[in-house]
C-alpha atoms as a PDB file:
ATOM      1  CA  UNK A   1      68.992 123.284 108.307  1.00  0.00           C
ATOM      2  CA  UNK A   2      67.854 125.811 105.487  1.00  0.00           C
ATOM      3  CA  UNK A   3      70.062 126.312 102.457  1.00  0.00           C
ATOM      4  CA  UNK A   4      68.741 129.875 101.600  1.00  0.00           C
ATOM      5  CA  UNK A   5      68.129 131.636 104.991  1.00  0.00           C
ATOM      6  CA  UNK A   6      70.588 134.520 105.035  1.00  0.00           C
ATOM      7  CA  UNK A   7      72.373 134.472 108.363  1.00  0.00           C
ATOM      8  CA  UNK A   8      74.935 136.942 107.559  1.00  0.00           C
ATOM      9  CA  UNK A   9      75.371 139.210 104.524  1.00  0.00           C
ATOM     10  CA  UNK A  10      79.031 138.073 104.317  1.00  0.00           C
ATOM     11  CA  UNK A  11      80.475 135.688 106.808  1.00  0.00           C
ATOM     12  CA  UNK A  12      83.971 136.818 107.866  1.00  0.00           C
ATOM     13  CA  UNK A  13      86.554 135.270 110.049  1.00  0.00           C
ATOM     14  CA  UNK A  14      85.305 137.087 113.090  1.00  0.00           C
ATOM     15  CA  UNK A  15      82.018 135.092 112.973  1.00  0.00           C
ATOM     16  CA  UNK A  16      83.657 131.856 112.532  1.00  0.00           C
ATOM     17  CA  UNK A  17      85.997 132.221 114.985  1.00  0.00           C
ATOM     18  CA  UNK A  18      83.304 133.235 117.481  1.00  0.00           C
ATOM     19  CA  UNK A  19      81.295 130.347 116.550  1.00  0.00           C
ATOM     20  CA  UNK A  20      83.735 127.790 116.904  1.00  0.00           C
ATOM     21  CA  UNK A  21      85.117 129.244 120.326  1.00  0.00           C
ATOM     22  CA  UNK A  22      81.582 128.458 121.530  1.00  0.00           C
ATOM     23  CA  UNK A  23      81.209 125.192 120.200  1.00  0.00           C
ATOM     24  CA  UNK A  24      84.518 123.944 120.666  1.00  0.00           C
ATOM     25  CA  UNK A  25      84.215 121.786 123.917  1.00  0.00           C
ATOM     26  CA  UNK A  26      80.799 120.131 122.332  1.00  0.00           C
ATOM     27  CA  UNK A  27      82.677 119.463 119.090  1.00  0.00           C
ATOM     28  CA  UNK A  28      85.674 118.116 120.624  1.00  0.00           C
ATOM     29  CA  UNK A  29      83.779 115.792 122.815  1.00  0.00           C
ATOM     30  CA  UNK A  30      81.474 114.402 120.009  1.00  0.00           C
ATOM     31  CA  UNK A  31      84.441 114.062 117.304  1.00  0.00           C
ATOM     32  CA  UNK A  32      87.438 112.687 119.213  1.00  0.00           C
ATOM     33  CA  UNK A  33      89.055 110.677 116.285  1.00  0.00           C
ATOM     34  CA  UNK A  34      87.899 109.628 112.870  1.00  0.00           C
ATOM     35  CA  UNK A  35      84.406 108.494 113.897  1.00  0.00           C
ATOM     36  CA  UNK A  36      82.934 110.804 111.299  1.00  0.00           C
ATOM     37  CA  UNK A  37      84.843 109.425 108.288  1.00  0.00           C
ATOM     38  CA  UNK A  38      83.920 107.083 105.703  1.00  0.00           C
ATOM     39  CA  UNK A  39      86.519 104.308 104.682  1.00  0.00           C
ATOM     40  CA  UNK A  40      86.864 106.103 101.247  1.00  0.00           C
ATOM     41  CA  UNK A  41      87.401 109.510 103.144  1.00  0.00           C
ATOM     42  CA  UNK A  42      90.294 107.510 104.886  1.00  0.00           C
ATOM     43  CA  UNK A  43      91.444 106.046 101.763  1.00  0.00           C
ATOM     44  CA  UNK A  44      91.889 109.537 100.158  1.00  0.00           C
ATOM     45  CA  UNK A  45      94.063 110.560 103.457  1.00  0.00           C
ATOM     46  CA  UNK A  46      96.252 107.700 102.760  1.00  0.00           C
ATOM     47  CA  UNK A  47      96.680 108.626  99.146  1.00  0.00           C
ATOM     48  CA  UNK A  48      97.607 112.035 100.303  1.00  0.00           C
ATOM     49  CA  UNK A  49     100.350 110.644 102.546  1.00  0.00           C
ATOM     50  CA  UNK A  50     101.353 108.207  99.888  1.00  0.00           C
ATOM     51  CA  UNK A  51     102.352 111.144  97.558  1.00  0.00           C
ATOM     52  CA  UNK A  52     104.492 112.495 100.118  1.00  0.00           C
ATOM     53  CA  UNK A  53     108.322 111.857 100.716  1.00  0.00           C
ATOM     54  CA  UNK A  54     109.303 109.919 103.732  1.00  0.00           C
ATOM     55  CA  UNK A  55     109.288 111.659 106.960  1.00  0.00           C
ATOM     56  CA  UNK A  56     107.192 114.452 105.148  1.00  0.00           C
ATOM     57  CA  UNK A  57     106.408 117.599 107.147  1.00  0.00           C
ATOM     58  CA  UNK A  58     102.652 118.350 106.959  1.00  0.00           C
ATOM     59  CA  UNK A  59     100.350 121.200 108.153  1.00  0.00           C
ATOM     60  CA  UNK A  60      96.996 120.164 109.244  1.00  0.00           C
ATOM     61  CA  UNK A  61      95.363 123.711 108.258  1.00  0.00           C
ATOM     62  CA  UNK A  62      92.212 124.169 110.398  1.00  0.00           C
ATOM     63  CA  UNK A  63      92.912 121.524 112.604  1.00  0.00           C
ATOM     64  CA  UNK A  64      90.174 122.130 114.975  1.00  0.00           C
ATOM     65  CA  UNK A  65      90.841 120.289 118.382  1.00  0.00           C
ATOM     66  CA  UNK A  66      93.237 118.001 116.403  1.00  0.00           C
ATOM     67  CA  UNK A  67      91.514 114.861 115.805  1.00  0.00           C
ATOM     68  CA  UNK A  68      93.281 114.406 112.462  1.00  0.00           C
ATOM     69  CA  UNK A  69      96.926 114.863 113.925  1.00  0.00           C
ATOM     70  CA  UNK A  70      97.585 111.223 115.043  1.00  0.00           C
ATOM     71  CA  UNK A  71      95.919 109.776 111.925  1.00  0.00           C
ATOM     72  CA  UNK A  72      98.533 111.704 109.879  1.00  0.00           C
ATOM     73  CA  UNK A  73     101.339 111.056 112.200  1.00  0.00           C
ATOM     74  CA  UNK A  74     100.568 107.325 111.971  1.00  0.00           C
ATOM     75  CA  UNK A  75     100.943 107.510 108.243  1.00  0.00           C
ATOM     76  CA  UNK A  76     104.340 108.639 108.473  1.00  0.00           C
ATOM     77  CA  UNK A  77     104.158 112.448 108.550  1.00  0.00           C
ATOM     78  CA  UNK A  78     105.774 114.858 110.813  1.00  0.00           C
ATOM     79  CA  UNK A  79     102.495 116.937 111.499  1.00  0.00           C
ATOM     80  CA  UNK A  80     101.660 120.234 113.021  1.00  0.00           C
ATOM     81  CA  UNK A  81      98.191 122.107 113.519  1.00  0.00           C
ATOM     82  CA  UNK A  82      97.022 125.680 112.940  1.00  0.00           C
ATOM     83  CA  UNK A  83      93.201 126.696 113.719  1.00  0.00           C
ATOM     84  CA  UNK A  84      91.546 130.063 113.686  1.00  0.00           C
ATOM     85  CA  UNK A  85      89.649 129.393 116.799  1.00  0.00           C
ATOM     86  CA  UNK A  86      91.839 129.776 119.951  1.00  0.00           C
ATOM     87  CA  UNK A  87      89.289 127.492 122.049  1.00  0.00           C
ATOM     88  CA  UNK A  88      89.832 124.841 119.468  1.00  0.00           C
ATOM     89  CA  UNK A  89      93.669 125.025 119.572  1.00  0.00           C
ATOM     90  CA  UNK A  90      93.426 125.042 123.719  1.00  0.00           C
ATOM     91  CA  UNK A  91      91.365 121.860 123.190  1.00  0.00           C
ATOM     92  CA  UNK A  92      93.971 120.478 120.842  1.00  0.00           C
ATOM     93  CA  UNK A  93      96.807 121.067 123.244  1.00  0.00           C
ATOM     94  CA  UNK A  94      94.986 119.274 125.907  1.00  0.00           C
ATOM     95  CA  UNK A  95      93.576 116.204 123.693  1.00  0.00           C
ATOM     96  CA  UNK A  96      96.986 116.207 121.791  1.00  0.00           C
ATOM     97  CA  UNK A  97      99.909 117.411 123.640  1.00  0.00           C
ATOM     98  CA  UNK A  98     102.449 115.630 121.604  1.00  0.00           C
ATOM     99  CA  UNK A  99     101.822 117.871 118.650  1.00  0.00           C
ATOM    100  CA  UNK A 100     102.571 121.598 118.000  1.00  0.00           C
ATOM    101  CA  UNK A 101      99.252 123.410 117.361  1.00  0.00           C
ATOM    102  CA  UNK A 102      98.891 127.297 116.928  1.00  0.00           C
ATOM    103  CA  UNK A 103      96.084 129.797 116.478  1.00  0.00           C
ATOM    104  CA  UNK A 104      96.226 131.445 113.076  1.00  0.00           C
ATOM    105  CA  UNK A 105      94.128 132.271 110.097  1.00  0.00           C
ATOM    106  CA  UNK A 106      94.112 130.369 106.920  1.00  0.00           C
ATOM    107  CA  UNK A 107      94.209 133.574 105.026  1.00  0.00           C
ATOM    108  CA  UNK A 108      97.330 134.500 106.876  1.00  0.00           C
ATOM    109  CA  UNK A 109      99.143 131.380 107.871  1.00  0.00           C
ATOM    110  CA  UNK A 110     101.837 132.055 110.446  1.00  0.00           C
ATOM    111  CA  UNK A 111     104.259 130.084 108.818  1.00  0.00           C
ATOM    112  CA  UNK A 112     107.297 130.832 106.555  1.00  0.00           C
ATOM    113  CA  UNK A 113     107.195 130.230 102.727  1.00  0.00           C
ATOM    114  CA  UNK A 114     107.813 126.610 101.564  1.00  0.00           C
ATOM    115  CA  UNK A 115     107.656 125.024 105.034  1.00  0.00           C
ATOM    116  CA  UNK A 116     105.838 122.012 104.405  1.00  0.00           C
ATOM    117  CA  UNK A 117     105.916 119.070 102.026  1.00  0.00           C
ATOM    118  CA  UNK A 118     102.185 118.709 102.362  1.00  0.00           C
ATOM    119  CA  UNK A 119      99.087 120.812 103.594  1.00  0.00           C
ATOM    120  CA  UNK A 120      96.027 119.085 104.737  1.00  0.00           C
ATOM    121  CA  UNK A 121      92.669 121.247 104.430  1.00  0.00           C
ATOM    122  CA  UNK A 122      90.074 118.792 106.082  1.00  0.00           C
ATOM    123  CA  UNK A 123      86.698 120.714 105.922  1.00  0.00           C
ATOM    124  CA  UNK A 124      88.345 123.910 106.878  1.00  0.00           C
ATOM    125  CA  UNK A 125      87.474 125.874 103.992  1.00  0.00           C
ATOM    126  CA  UNK A 126      83.749 125.404 104.149  1.00  0.00           C
ATOM    127  CA  UNK A 127      82.923 128.599 106.035  1.00  0.00           C
ATOM    128  CA  UNK A 128      84.793 130.808 103.573  1.00  0.00           C
ATOM    129  CA  UNK A 129      82.867 132.679 100.938  1.00  0.00           C
ATOM    130  CA  UNK A 130      83.732 132.203  97.327  1.00  0.00           C
ATOM    131  CA  UNK A 131      85.124 135.456  97.271  1.00  0.00           C
ATOM    132  CA  UNK A 132      88.059 134.422  99.791  1.00  0.00           C
ATOM    133  CA  UNK A 133      89.031 131.188  98.317  1.00  0.00           C
ATOM    134  CA  UNK A 134      91.759 132.608  95.997  1.00  0.00           C
ATOM    135  CA  UNK A 135      93.689 134.189  98.767  1.00  0.00           C
ATOM    136  CA  UNK A 136      93.299 131.088 101.026  1.00  0.00           C
ATOM    137  CA  UNK A 137      94.544 128.674  98.206  1.00  0.00           C
ATOM    138  CA  UNK A 138      97.266 131.128  97.785  1.00  0.00           C
ATOM    139  CA  UNK A 139      98.472 130.933 101.426  1.00  0.00           C
ATOM    140  CA  UNK A 140      98.283 127.093 101.114  1.00  0.00           C
ATOM    141  CA  UNK A 141     100.608 127.068  98.085  1.00  0.00           C
ATOM    142  CA  UNK A 142     102.684 129.557  99.812  1.00  0.00           C
ATOM    143  CA  UNK A 143     103.672 127.558 102.598  1.00  0.00           C
ATOM    144  CA  UNK A 144     104.097 124.194 100.529  1.00  0.00           C
ATOM    145  CA  UNK A 145     107.206 123.296  99.117  1.00  0.00           C
ATOM    146  CA  UNK A 146     108.029 122.908  95.469  1.00  0.00           C
ATOM    147  CA  UNK A 147     106.200 119.740  94.173  1.00  0.00           C
ATOM    148  CA  UNK A 148     104.431 119.532  97.462  1.00  0.00           C
ATOM    149  CA  UNK A 149     101.033 118.164  97.837  1.00  0.00           C
ATOM    150  CA  UNK A 150      97.643 119.854  98.896  1.00  0.00           C
ATOM    151  CA  UNK A 151      94.398 118.194 100.284  1.00  0.00           C
ATOM    152  CA  UNK A 152      91.302 120.149 100.448  1.00  0.00           C
ATOM    153  CA  UNK A 153      88.028 118.318 101.766  1.00  0.00           C
ATOM    154  CA  UNK A 154      84.507 119.844 101.688  1.00  0.00           C
ATOM    155  CA  UNK A 155      80.773 119.320 101.088  1.00  0.00           C
ATOM    156  CA  UNK A 156      80.099 119.075  97.582  1.00  0.00           C
ATOM    157  CA  UNK A 157      77.305 121.084  95.769  1.00  0.00           C
ATOM    158  CA  UNK A 158      76.014 124.468  95.633  1.00  0.00           C
ATOM    159  CA  UNK A 159      74.293 126.890  97.978  1.00  0.00           C
ATOM    160  CA  UNK A 160      74.646 128.001 101.358  1.00  0.00           C
ATOM    161  CA  UNK A 161      73.740 126.094 104.482  1.00  0.00           C
ATOM    162  CA  UNK A 162      72.709 127.519 107.932  1.00  0.00           C
ATOM    163  CA  UNK A 163      74.491 124.970 110.365  1.00  0.00           C
ATOM    164  CA  UNK A 164      73.459 127.117 113.381  1.00  0.00           C
ATOM    165  CA  UNK A 165      70.281 124.898 114.247  1.00  0.00           C
ATOM    166  CA  UNK A 166      72.455 121.853 114.351  1.00  0.00           C
ATOM    167  CA  UNK A 167      74.388 123.500 117.366  1.00  0.00           C
ATOM    168  CA  UNK A 168      71.302 124.963 118.868  1.00  0.00           C
ATOM    169  CA  UNK A 169      69.993 121.462 119.422  1.00  0.00           C
ATOM    170  CA  UNK A 170      72.922 121.075 121.912  1.00  0.00           C
ATOM    171  CA  UNK A 171      71.872 124.532 123.471  1.00  0.00           C
ATOM    172  CA  UNK A 172      74.655 126.382 121.480  1.00  0.00           C
ATOM    173  CA  UNK A 173      73.749 130.050 120.217  1.00  0.00           C
ATOM    174  CA  UNK A 174      76.191 130.758 117.212  1.00  0.00           C
ATOM    175  CA  UNK A 175      75.853 132.253 113.797  1.00  0.00           C
ATOM    176  CA  UNK A 176      77.471 129.947 111.254  1.00  0.00           C
ATOM    177  CA  UNK A 177      77.233 129.281 107.520  1.00  0.00           C
ATOM    178  CA  UNK A 178      78.654 126.473 105.314  1.00  0.00           C
ATOM    179  CA  UNK A 179      79.159 126.975 101.629  1.00  0.00           C
ATOM    180  CA  UNK A 180      78.870 124.119  99.463  1.00  0.00           C
ATOM    181  CA  UNK A 181      81.106 123.731  96.203  1.00  0.00           C
ATOM    182  CA  UNK A 182      81.749 121.317  93.378  1.00  0.00           C
ATOM    183  CA  UNK A 183      85.031 119.530  93.034  1.00  0.00           C
ATOM    184  CA  UNK A 184      85.486 121.509  89.579  1.00  0.00           C
ATOM    185  CA  UNK A 185      85.005 124.889  91.350  1.00  0.00           C
ATOM    186  CA  UNK A 186      87.899 123.951  94.044  1.00  0.00           C
ATOM    187  CA  UNK A 187      90.143 122.373  91.291  1.00  0.00           C
ATOM    188  CA  UNK A 188      89.762 125.691  89.559  1.00  0.00           C
ATOM    189  CA  UNK A 189      90.579 127.856  92.447  1.00  0.00           C
ATOM    190  CA  UNK A 190      93.693 125.381  93.309  1.00  0.00           C
ATOM    191  CA  UNK A 191      94.770 126.012  89.616  1.00  0.00           C
ATOM    192  CA  UNK A 192      94.743 129.681  89.977  1.00  0.00           C
ATOM    193  CA  UNK A 193      97.057 129.439  92.945  1.00  0.00           C
ATOM    194  CA  UNK A 194      99.561 127.379  90.985  1.00  0.00           C
ATOM    195  CA  UNK A 195      98.512 123.699  91.701  1.00  0.00           C
ATOM    196  CA  UNK A 196      97.553 120.765  89.510  1.00  0.00           C
ATOM    197  CA  UNK A 197      94.936 118.353  90.272  1.00  0.00           C
ATOM    198  CA  UNK A 198      96.391 114.747  91.263  1.00  0.00           C
ATOM    199  CA  UNK A 199      93.077 112.757  92.478  1.00  0.00           C
ATOM    200  CA  UNK A 200      89.598 113.890  93.243  1.00  0.00           C
ATOM    201  CA  UNK A 201      86.740 111.632  95.142  1.00  0.00           C
ATOM    202  CA  UNK A 202      83.105 112.494  95.404  1.00  0.00           C
ATOM    203  CA  UNK A 203      80.577 110.560  97.371  1.00  0.00           C
ATOM    204  CA  UNK A 204      76.996 110.723  97.970  1.00  0.00           C
ATOM    205  CA  UNK A 205      75.405 111.334 101.300  1.00  0.00           C
ATOM    206  CA  UNK A 206      75.791 107.957 103.147  1.00  0.00           C
ATOM    207  CA  UNK A 207      72.808 108.351 105.406  1.00  0.00           C
ATOM    208  CA  UNK A 208      69.551 110.388 106.065  1.00  0.00           C
ATOM    209  CA  UNK A 209      71.457 112.477 108.408  1.00  0.00           C
ATOM    210  CA  UNK A 210      73.685 113.921 105.599  1.00  0.00           C
ATOM    211  CA  UNK A 211      72.116 116.370 103.135  1.00  0.00           C
ATOM    212  CA  UNK A 212      75.214 116.854 100.880  1.00  0.00           C
ATOM    213  CA  UNK A 213      77.773 114.818  99.137  1.00  0.00           C
ATOM    214  CA  UNK A 214      81.177 114.889 100.542  1.00  0.00           C
ATOM    215  CA  UNK A 215      84.396 115.811  98.285  1.00  0.00           C
ATOM    216  CA  UNK A 216      88.230 115.758  98.287  1.00  0.00           C
ATOM    217  CA  UNK A 217      90.724 117.074  95.923  1.00  0.00           C
ATOM    218  CA  UNK A 218      94.516 116.522  96.119  1.00  0.00           C
ATOM    219  CA  UNK A 219      96.598 118.798  94.228  1.00  0.00           C
ATOM    220  CA  UNK A 220     100.312 119.242  93.472  1.00  0.00           C
ATOM    221  CA  UNK A 221     102.288 122.384  93.614  1.00  0.00           C
ATOM    222  CA  UNK A 222     103.365 123.210  90.287  1.00  0.00           C
END
């Protein structure tokens, strides 16, 4: 996958929604649970849950087909999901019918202010250009309660990745870019939205199949 090929001048939500509507069945079949997560990834999810009150309400913001919902529930959270892609939400309702999931944009979440104790964004900001991040962070902050906790996971580094070839190998024709960022960049955006860093993790690629480092930032609503 090339880092610099300019697929679209400015990737918008319509582009991302269309891509994930196409890839939803293949993606959901391939990633059914936490097979892709390393032990350190899961440790950060556990740490996120440990910072929440007992019986915490959590929004999986960008839940995809819902594979992380059972993990969060197993950690004691009352969790629901939202995703930009209607096809992903439809699959989540089939695969995980015990959880509430709905379609919606992360830049305009369909939830009232201060609804959740925690907001969980697992690789769901990676297709948003830098200019959209402040608005997205403000939405995560808006739906979190005072003293709530927000987790953001992403590929660490710099530059833009064309991820369409990975799907083309499965016969899927989409246009999709991913934006890499450093933990410092993400922390700064969260701080601008009124959140304070609690913890961060960054790990190098674990195999030759990974090109980029992975990172997680946990922040608390100020």
